[in-house]
Amino acid sequence: METYRERLEKYERRVQMATWLGTSLVGFIALIAAGAVPKEPNFLLASVSSLIALAALCAAFSRVGFEWEATLIKREKAASEQELLKPLKEEDKTWPRCENWWLTFLIFYYLSGLAFIISVWWKPVASLIQLLNCEPSA
């Protein structure tokens, strides 16, 4: 049976992961600013930027939500360590709604990485296809 201490540790871990993964989105932004994503065709830059923004938004909601849930446990069980070692009550066993933000963040995070890779390789692959479609001169 899961205890309040274990659940608290899981919430705190989610806070850390949301912070670190959310912060790593800054790397994507820096690469975009450095020109790693071509400006043409326009949809590449728009796609990558939008996915990064959505991922950052979800990370923020997730982090704040899990931090709040951890705070609620700390406040409720702050009286003693024994309270934290009690098994979760039935009504506390379900995960909070911020778990949905976390899962949505992971989806946007991976999609933004995939979109970034596609955008970086767009021109080289297009050039290769163009080169392969050319007929040799006689």
N, C-alpha and C. Protein backbone atom coordinates (compact mmCIF):
# COMPACT_ATOMS: atom_id res chain seq x y z
N MET A 1 0.83 -1.19 0.00
CA MET A 1 0.00 0.00 0.00
C MET A 1 0.87 1.25 0.00
N GLU A 2 0.46 2.18 -0.80
CA GLU A 2 1.21 3.43 -0.90
C GLU A 2 0.90 4.31 0.31
N THR A 3 1.96 4.92 0.85
CA THR A 3 1.79 5.81 1.99
C THR A 3 1.79 7.27 1.52
N TYR A 4 1.43 8.15 2.44
CA TYR A 4 1.46 9.58 2.12
C TYR A 4 2.89 10.04 1.84
N ARG A 5 3.85 9.47 2.54
CA ARG A 5 5.25 9.82 2.31
C ARG A 5 5.66 9.46 0.87
N GLU A 6 5.29 8.26 0.44
CA GLU A 6 5.63 7.82 -0.93
C GLU A 6 4.96 8.71 -1.97
N ARG A 7 3.70 9.05 -1.74
CA ARG A 7 2.99 9.91 -2.69
C ARG A 7 3.63 11.31 -2.72
N LEU A 8 3.99 11.81 -1.56
CA LEU A 8 4.65 13.11 -1.48
C LEU A 8 5.95 13.10 -2.27
N GLU A 9 6.72 12.03 -2.14
CA GLU A 9 7.98 11.91 -2.88
C GLU A 9 7.73 11.86 -4.39
N LYS A 10 6.66 11.19 -4.80
CA LYS A 10 6.33 11.14 -6.23
C LYS A 10 5.95 12.52 -6.75
N TYR A 11 5.17 13.26 -5.97
CA TYR A 11 4.79 14.61 -6.38
C TYR A 11 6.03 15.50 -6.49
N GLU A 12 6.91 15.40 -5.50
CA GLU A 12 8.12 16.22 -5.52
C GLU A 12 9.02 15.85 -6.70
N ARG A 13 9.06 14.58 -7.04
CA ARG A 13 9.84 14.13 -8.19
C ARG A 13 9.26 14.68 -9.49
N ARG A 14 7.92 14.71 -9.59
CA ARG A 14 7.28 15.27 -10.78
C ARG A 14 7.62 16.76 -10.91
N VAL A 15 7.65 17.46 -9.79
CA VAL A 15 8.03 18.88 -9.80
C VAL A 15 9.42 19.03 -10.39
N GLN A 16 10.36 18.21 -9.93
CA GLN A 16 11.73 18.27 -10.43
C GLN A 16 11.80 17.95 -11.91
N MET A 17 11.11 16.90 -12.33
CA MET A 17 11.16 16.51 -13.75
C MET A 17 10.53 17.57 -14.64
N ALA A 18 9.41 18.15 -14.21
CA ALA A 18 8.78 19.21 -14.99
C ALA A 18 9.71 20.41 -15.11
N THR A 19 10.43 20.70 -14.03
CA THR A 19 11.36 21.83 -14.05
C THR A 19 12.51 21.57 -15.01
N TRP A 20 13.13 20.41 -14.90
CA TRP A 20 14.29 20.12 -15.74
C TRP A 20 13.93 19.96 -17.20
N LEU A 21 12.88 19.21 -17.49
CA LEU A 21 12.48 19.05 -18.89
C LEU A 21 11.96 20.35 -19.47
N GLY A 22 11.20 21.10 -18.66
CA GLY A 22 10.72 22.40 -19.12
C GLY A 22 11.87 23.35 -19.41
N THR A 23 12.89 23.31 -18.58
CA THR A 23 14.06 24.16 -18.79
C THR A 23 14.81 23.75 -20.05
N SER A 24 14.80 22.48 -20.37
CA SER A 24 15.53 22.04 -21.57
C SER A 24 14.91 22.60 -22.85
N LEU A 25 13.66 23.05 -22.78
CA LEU A 25 13.05 23.68 -23.94
C LEU A 25 13.79 24.96 -24.34
N VAL A 26 14.49 25.56 -23.38
CA VAL A 26 15.28 26.75 -23.67
C VAL A 26 16.36 26.42 -24.70
N GLY A 27 16.87 25.20 -24.68
CA GLY A 27 17.85 24.78 -25.68
C GLY A 27 17.28 24.82 -27.08
N PHE A 28 16.04 24.36 -27.23
CA PHE A 28 15.37 24.45 -28.54
C PHE A 28 15.25 25.90 -28.98
N ILE A 29 14.85 26.75 -28.04
CA ILE A 29 14.66 28.17 -28.36
C ILE A 29 15.98 28.79 -28.79
N ALA A 30 17.07 28.43 -28.09
CA ALA A 30 18.39 28.96 -28.45
C ALA A 30 18.80 28.50 -29.85
N LEU A 31 18.53 27.25 -30.17
CA LEU A 31 18.87 26.74 -31.50
C LEU A 31 18.03 27.42 -32.59
N ILE A 32 16.78 27.69 -32.28
CA ILE A 32 15.94 28.41 -33.24
C ILE A 32 16.49 29.82 -33.46
N ALA A 33 16.85 30.49 -32.36
CA ALA A 33 17.40 31.85 -32.45
C ALA A 33 18.71 31.86 -33.21
N ALA A 34 19.47 30.78 -33.12
CA ALA A 34 20.76 30.69 -33.82
C ALA A 34 20.59 30.36 -35.30
N GLY A 35 19.35 30.09 -35.71
CA GLY A 35 19.09 29.83 -37.12
C GLY A 35 19.13 28.37 -37.52
N ALA A 36 19.06 27.46 -36.55
CA ALA A 36 19.10 26.03 -36.88
C ALA A 36 17.85 25.59 -37.62
N VAL A 37 16.74 26.27 -37.38
CA VAL A 37 15.49 25.95 -38.07
C VAL A 37 15.36 26.91 -39.25
N PRO A 38 15.25 26.38 -40.46
CA PRO A 38 15.12 27.28 -41.62
C PRO A 38 13.82 28.07 -41.57
N LYS A 39 13.88 29.29 -42.08
CA LYS A 39 12.69 30.14 -42.07
C LYS A 39 11.73 29.78 -43.20
N GLU A 40 12.21 29.08 -44.18
CA GLU A 40 11.37 28.64 -45.30
C GLU A 40 11.43 27.12 -45.37
N PRO A 41 10.40 26.40 -45.56
CA PRO A 41 9.02 26.87 -45.59
C PRO A 41 8.54 27.32 -44.21
N ASN A 42 7.64 28.28 -44.21
CA ASN A 42 7.18 28.93 -42.97
C ASN A 42 6.60 27.97 -41.95
N PHE A 43 5.95 26.90 -42.41
CA PHE A 43 5.27 26.02 -41.46
C PHE A 43 6.24 25.30 -40.53
N LEU A 44 7.51 25.15 -40.93
CA LEU A 44 8.47 24.46 -40.06
C LEU A 44 8.73 25.27 -38.79
N LEU A 45 9.08 26.52 -38.98
CA LEU A 45 9.36 27.39 -37.83
C LEU A 45 8.11 27.56 -36.97
N ALA A 46 6.95 27.73 -37.62
CA ALA A 46 5.70 27.89 -36.88
C ALA A 46 5.37 26.63 -36.09
N SER A 47 5.58 25.47 -36.68
CA SER A 47 5.27 24.20 -36.00
C SER A 47 6.17 24.00 -34.79
N VAL A 48 7.46 24.16 -34.99
CA VAL A 48 8.40 23.95 -33.88
C VAL A 48 8.13 24.95 -32.76
N SER A 49 7.95 26.22 -33.11
CA SER A 49 7.71 27.25 -32.09
C SER A 49 6.42 26.99 -31.33
N SER A 50 5.38 26.62 -32.05
CA SER A 50 4.08 26.36 -31.39
C SER A 50 4.16 25.17 -30.45
N LEU A 51 4.80 24.10 -30.89
CA LEU A 51 4.92 22.91 -30.04
C LEU A 51 5.75 23.20 -28.79
N ILE A 52 6.80 23.99 -28.94
CA ILE A 52 7.61 24.36 -27.78
C ILE A 52 6.80 25.20 -26.81
N ALA A 53 6.03 26.15 -27.33
CA ALA A 53 5.20 27.00 -26.46
C ALA A 53 4.15 26.16 -25.72
N LEU A 54 3.51 25.24 -26.43
CA LEU A 54 2.51 24.38 -25.79
C LEU A 54 3.14 23.47 -24.74
N ALA A 55 4.32 22.95 -25.05
CA ALA A 55 5.02 22.10 -24.08
C ALA A 55 5.38 22.90 -22.82
N ALA A 56 5.86 24.12 -23.01
CA ALA A 56 6.23 24.96 -21.87
C ALA A 56 5.02 25.28 -21.01
N LEU A 57 3.89 25.56 -21.65
CA LEU A 57 2.66 25.86 -20.92
C LEU A 57 2.23 24.65 -20.08
N CYS A 58 2.24 23.48 -20.68
CA CYS A 58 1.85 22.26 -19.96
C CYS A 58 2.83 21.95 -18.83
N ALA A 59 4.12 22.18 -19.06
CA ALA A 59 5.12 21.94 -18.00
C ALA A 59 4.86 22.85 -16.81
N ALA A 60 4.52 24.10 -17.10
CA ALA A 60 4.26 25.06 -16.02
C ALA A 60 3.04 24.65 -15.20
N PHE A 61 1.94 24.30 -15.89
CA PHE A 61 0.74 23.87 -15.17
C PHE A 61 1.00 22.60 -14.38
N SER A 62 1.76 21.69 -14.95
CA SER A 62 2.09 20.44 -14.27
C SER A 62 2.91 20.71 -13.01
N ARG A 63 3.94 21.51 -13.16
CA ARG A 63 4.82 21.80 -12.03
C ARG A 63 4.07 22.47 -10.89
N VAL A 64 3.29 23.49 -11.22
CA VAL A 64 2.53 24.19 -10.19
C VAL A 64 1.52 23.26 -9.52
N GLY A 65 0.87 22.43 -10.32
CA GLY A 65 -0.12 21.50 -9.77
C GLY A 65 0.49 20.49 -8.81
N PHE A 66 1.61 19.90 -9.19
CA PHE A 66 2.24 18.91 -8.32
C PHE A 66 2.83 19.57 -7.07
N GLU A 67 3.34 20.78 -7.24
CA GLU A 67 3.86 21.48 -6.07
C GLU A 67 2.73 21.77 -5.08
N TRP A 68 1.58 22.15 -5.60
CA TRP A 68 0.43 22.41 -4.74
C TRP A 68 -0.03 21.13 -4.04
N GLU A 69 -0.09 20.03 -4.76
CA GLU A 69 -0.51 18.76 -4.15
C GLU A 69 0.47 18.34 -3.06
N ALA A 70 1.75 18.54 -3.30
CA ALA A 70 2.76 18.21 -2.27
C ALA A 70 2.57 19.10 -1.05
N THR A 71 2.28 20.37 -1.29
CA THR A 71 2.05 21.30 -0.18
C THR A 71 0.85 20.88 0.65
N LEU A 72 -0.21 20.43 -0.02
CA LEU A 72 -1.40 19.98 0.72
C LEU A 72 -1.08 18.80 1.63
N ILE A 73 -0.31 17.86 1.13
CA ILE A 73 0.08 16.71 1.97
C ILE A 73 0.93 17.18 3.14
N LYS A 74 1.89 18.06 2.86
CA LYS A 74 2.76 18.55 3.93
C LYS A 74 1.96 19.27 5.01
N ARG A 75 1.00 20.09 4.59
CA ARG A 75 0.19 20.82 5.57
C ARG A 75 -0.68 19.88 6.39
N GLU A 76 -1.29 18.94 5.71
CA GLU A 76 -2.21 18.03 6.37
C GLU A 76 -1.49 17.07 7.32
N LYS A 77 -0.32 16.62 6.91
CA LYS A 77 0.39 15.59 7.67
C LYS A 77 1.59 16.14 8.43
N ALA A 78 1.68 17.45 8.53
CA ALA A 78 2.86 18.07 9.13
C ALA A 78 2.99 17.80 10.63
N ALA A 79 1.93 17.38 11.26
CA ALA A 79 1.96 17.16 12.71
C ALA A 79 3.00 16.14 13.13
N SER A 80 3.10 15.04 12.36
CA SER A 80 4.08 14.02 12.75
C SER A 80 4.49 13.18 11.56
N GLU A 81 5.63 12.56 11.72
CA GLU A 81 6.13 11.64 10.69
C GLU A 81 5.23 10.42 10.57
N GLN A 82 4.60 10.05 11.67
CA GLN A 82 3.70 8.90 11.67
C GLN A 82 2.52 9.09 10.72
N GLU A 83 2.06 10.32 10.62
CA GLU A 83 0.95 10.62 9.71
C GLU A 83 1.36 10.34 8.26
N LEU A 84 2.60 10.63 7.93
CA LEU A 84 3.09 10.41 6.56
C LEU A 84 3.24 8.93 6.25
N LEU A 85 3.40 8.11 7.27
CA LEU A 85 3.60 6.68 7.06
C LEU A 85 2.29 5.90 6.96
N LYS A 86 1.18 6.58 7.14
CA LYS A 86 -0.12 5.92 7.02
C LYS A 86 -0.43 5.66 5.56
N PRO A 87 -1.15 4.57 5.28
CA PRO A 87 -1.56 4.30 3.89
C PRO A 87 -2.52 5.38 3.39
N LEU A 88 -2.50 5.58 2.10
CA LEU A 88 -3.41 6.56 1.49
C LEU A 88 -4.86 6.16 1.73
N LYS A 89 -5.69 7.16 2.02
CA LYS A 89 -7.12 6.92 2.11
C LYS A 89 -7.63 6.67 0.70
N GLU A 90 -8.76 6.04 0.61
CA GLU A 90 -9.32 5.69 -0.71
C GLU A 90 -9.51 6.93 -1.58
N GLU A 91 -9.96 8.03 -1.00
CA GLU A 91 -10.20 9.25 -1.79
C GLU A 91 -8.90 9.94 -2.24
N ASP A 92 -7.79 9.56 -1.63
CA ASP A 92 -6.50 10.16 -1.99
C ASP A 92 -5.70 9.31 -2.98
N LYS A 93 -6.22 8.16 -3.36
CA LYS A 93 -5.47 7.24 -4.22
C LYS A 93 -5.41 7.69 -5.68
N THR A 94 -6.41 8.40 -6.14
CA THR A 94 -6.38 8.85 -7.53
C THR A 94 -5.37 9.98 -7.68
N TRP A 95 -4.76 10.05 -8.84
CA TRP A 95 -3.79 11.11 -9.10
C TRP A 95 -4.53 12.40 -9.41
N PRO A 96 -3.93 13.52 -9.07
CA PRO A 96 -4.59 14.81 -9.31
C PRO A 96 -4.64 15.15 -10.80
N ARG A 97 -5.43 16.15 -11.14
CA ARG A 97 -5.59 16.56 -12.54
C ARG A 97 -4.28 17.03 -13.17
N CYS A 98 -3.35 17.49 -12.36
CA CYS A 98 -2.08 17.97 -12.91
C CYS A 98 -1.31 16.84 -13.59
N GLU A 99 -1.67 15.59 -13.30
CA GLU A 99 -1.05 14.46 -14.00
C GLU A 99 -1.39 14.53 -15.49
N ASN A 100 -2.60 14.99 -15.81
CA ASN A 100 -2.97 15.16 -17.22
C ASN A 100 -2.11 16.21 -17.90
N TRP A 101 -1.80 17.29 -17.17
CA TRP A 101 -0.90 18.32 -17.72
C TRP A 101 0.48 17.71 -17.96
N TRP A 102 0.93 16.87 -17.04
CA TRP A 102 2.24 16.22 -17.17
C TRP A 102 2.28 15.35 -18.42
N LEU A 103 1.27 14.52 -18.60
CA LEU A 103 1.23 13.62 -19.76
C LEU A 103 1.13 14.41 -21.07
N THR A 104 0.34 15.48 -21.05
CA THR A 104 0.22 16.33 -22.24
C THR A 104 1.55 17.03 -22.53
N PHE A 105 2.23 17.45 -21.48
CA PHE A 105 3.56 18.05 -21.64
C PHE A 105 4.50 17.07 -22.34
N LEU A 106 4.52 15.82 -21.89
CA LEU A 106 5.42 14.83 -22.50
C LEU A 106 5.12 14.65 -23.99
N ILE A 107 3.85 14.65 -24.33
CA ILE A 107 3.48 14.51 -25.75
C ILE A 107 4.01 15.70 -26.55
N PHE A 108 3.75 16.92 -26.07
CA PHE A 108 4.23 18.11 -26.79
C PHE A 108 5.76 18.18 -26.79
N TYR A 109 6.37 17.73 -25.71
CA TYR A 109 7.84 17.74 -25.62
C TYR A 109 8.45 16.86 -26.72
N TYR A 110 7.93 15.65 -26.84
CA TYR A 110 8.45 14.74 -27.86
C TYR A 110 8.11 15.22 -29.26
N LEU A 111 6.91 15.75 -29.45
CA LEU A 111 6.53 16.27 -30.76
C LEU A 111 7.38 17.47 -31.15
N SER A 112 7.73 18.33 -30.19
CA SER A 112 8.57 19.48 -30.52
C SER A 112 9.97 19.01 -30.91
N GLY A 113 10.48 17.98 -30.24
CA GLY A 113 11.78 17.42 -30.63
C GLY A 113 11.74 16.82 -32.02
N LEU A 114 10.68 16.08 -32.31
CA LEU A 114 10.52 15.48 -33.63
C LEU A 114 10.39 16.56 -34.70
N ALA A 115 9.58 17.58 -34.43
CA ALA A 115 9.42 18.67 -35.39
C ALA A 115 10.73 19.40 -35.60
N PHE A 116 11.52 19.55 -34.55
CA PHE A 116 12.81 20.22 -34.66
C PHE A 116 13.75 19.40 -35.57
N ILE A 117 13.80 18.10 -35.35
CA ILE A 117 14.65 17.24 -36.18
C ILE A 117 14.21 17.29 -37.64
N ILE A 118 12.91 17.23 -37.88
CA ILE A 118 12.40 17.31 -39.25
C ILE A 118 12.79 18.64 -39.88
N SER A 119 12.65 19.72 -39.14
CA SER A 119 12.96 21.04 -39.70
C SER A 119 14.45 21.21 -40.00
N VAL A 120 15.28 20.65 -39.16
CA VAL A 120 16.74 20.74 -39.39
C VAL A 120 17.14 19.95 -40.64
N TRP A 121 16.51 18.82 -40.84
CA TRP A 121 16.85 17.96 -41.97
C TRP A 121 16.05 18.27 -43.23
N TRP A 122 15.11 19.19 -43.18
CA TRP A 122 14.23 19.47 -44.30
C TRP A 122 15.01 19.84 -45.57
N LYS A 123 15.88 20.84 -45.48
CA LYS A 123 16.63 21.30 -46.66
C LYS A 123 17.64 20.26 -47.15
N PRO A 124 18.42 19.62 -46.26
CA PRO A 124 19.35 18.61 -46.78
C PRO A 124 18.64 17.45 -47.48
N VAL A 125 17.52 17.00 -46.93
CA VAL A 125 16.79 15.91 -47.57
C VAL A 125 16.18 16.38 -48.89
N ALA A 126 15.64 17.59 -48.92
CA ALA A 126 15.08 18.14 -50.16
C ALA A 126 16.17 18.26 -51.22
N SER A 127 17.35 18.69 -50.83
CA SER A 127 18.46 18.80 -51.78
C SER A 127 18.88 17.43 -52.30
N LEU A 128 18.91 16.45 -51.42
CA LEU A 128 19.27 15.09 -51.82
C LEU A 128 18.24 14.52 -52.79
N ILE A 129 16.98 14.74 -52.50
CA ILE A 129 15.92 14.26 -53.40
C ILE A 129 16.04 14.94 -54.76
N GLN A 130 16.31 16.21 -54.75
CA GLN A 130 16.46 16.95 -56.00
C GLN A 130 17.67 16.41 -56.78
N LEU A 131 18.74 16.13 -56.06
CA LEU A 131 19.94 15.60 -56.70
C LEU A 131 19.67 14.23 -57.29
N LEU A 132 18.96 13.39 -56.58
CA LEU A 132 18.66 12.02 -57.06
C LEU A 132 17.68 12.03 -58.21
N ASN A 133 16.85 13.04 -58.31
CA ASN A 133 15.88 13.12 -59.40
C ASN A 133 16.48 13.69 -60.69
N CYS A 134 17.66 14.24 -60.60
CA CYS A 134 18.31 14.81 -61.79
C CYS A 134 18.85 13.70 -62.67
N GLU A 135 18.64 13.87 -63.96
CA GLU A 135 19.19 12.89 -64.91
C GLU A 135 20.59 13.32 -65.30
N PRO A 136 21.49 12.34 -65.42
CA PRO A 136 22.86 12.71 -65.79
C PRO A 136 22.89 13.25 -67.23
N SER A 137 23.77 14.19 -67.42
CA SER A 137 23.89 14.77 -68.77
C SER A 137 24.63 13.81 -69.67
N ALA A 138 24.28 13.86 -70.99
CA ALA A 138 24.85 12.93 -71.98
C ALA A 138 26.21 13.33 -72.43
